[in-house]
Amino acid sequence: MAEIAGRIPLDRDPLEYLRDVGLTVVPSSASTLLRAGRAWVNYTRTRPAGLICAACGAETQARCNRCEAPISVRQRVLPDFLVGAHALEQADRLLTRDKNLYRTYFPDLELV
């Protein structure tokens, strides 16, 4: 719900609005949360040190303007993995623009 909250009219009850557009809020199960946590750990152990292009997956480097040291950022956050695990276990597909992430860590998830 957090990802679509900005699209819900402020004068509407969020749960009523979701019901009206045909969506149901389903809480995550313990097994979903465990799956998300395991995928997150796998990601943190294998993520590259550099920056990753979200469109093609290519790794690149950014450097500090002052000292030229390489700059890296955390590319993914735990909620990305909560979304993937929830969609895999408690929905029938995931609508996303970030297919590379979900194909990598949730290969059985149907992506739209």
Foldseek 3Di string as FASTA:
>chain_A
DVVCVVVDDPVDDVQVVCVVVPHDDDDDDPVLLVLLVVLVVVCVVDPDFADADQQPGDGDWDADPPPRHTDGDPPDDSVVSSVLSCCVPPHQAEEDPRVVSSCVRPVVHHYD
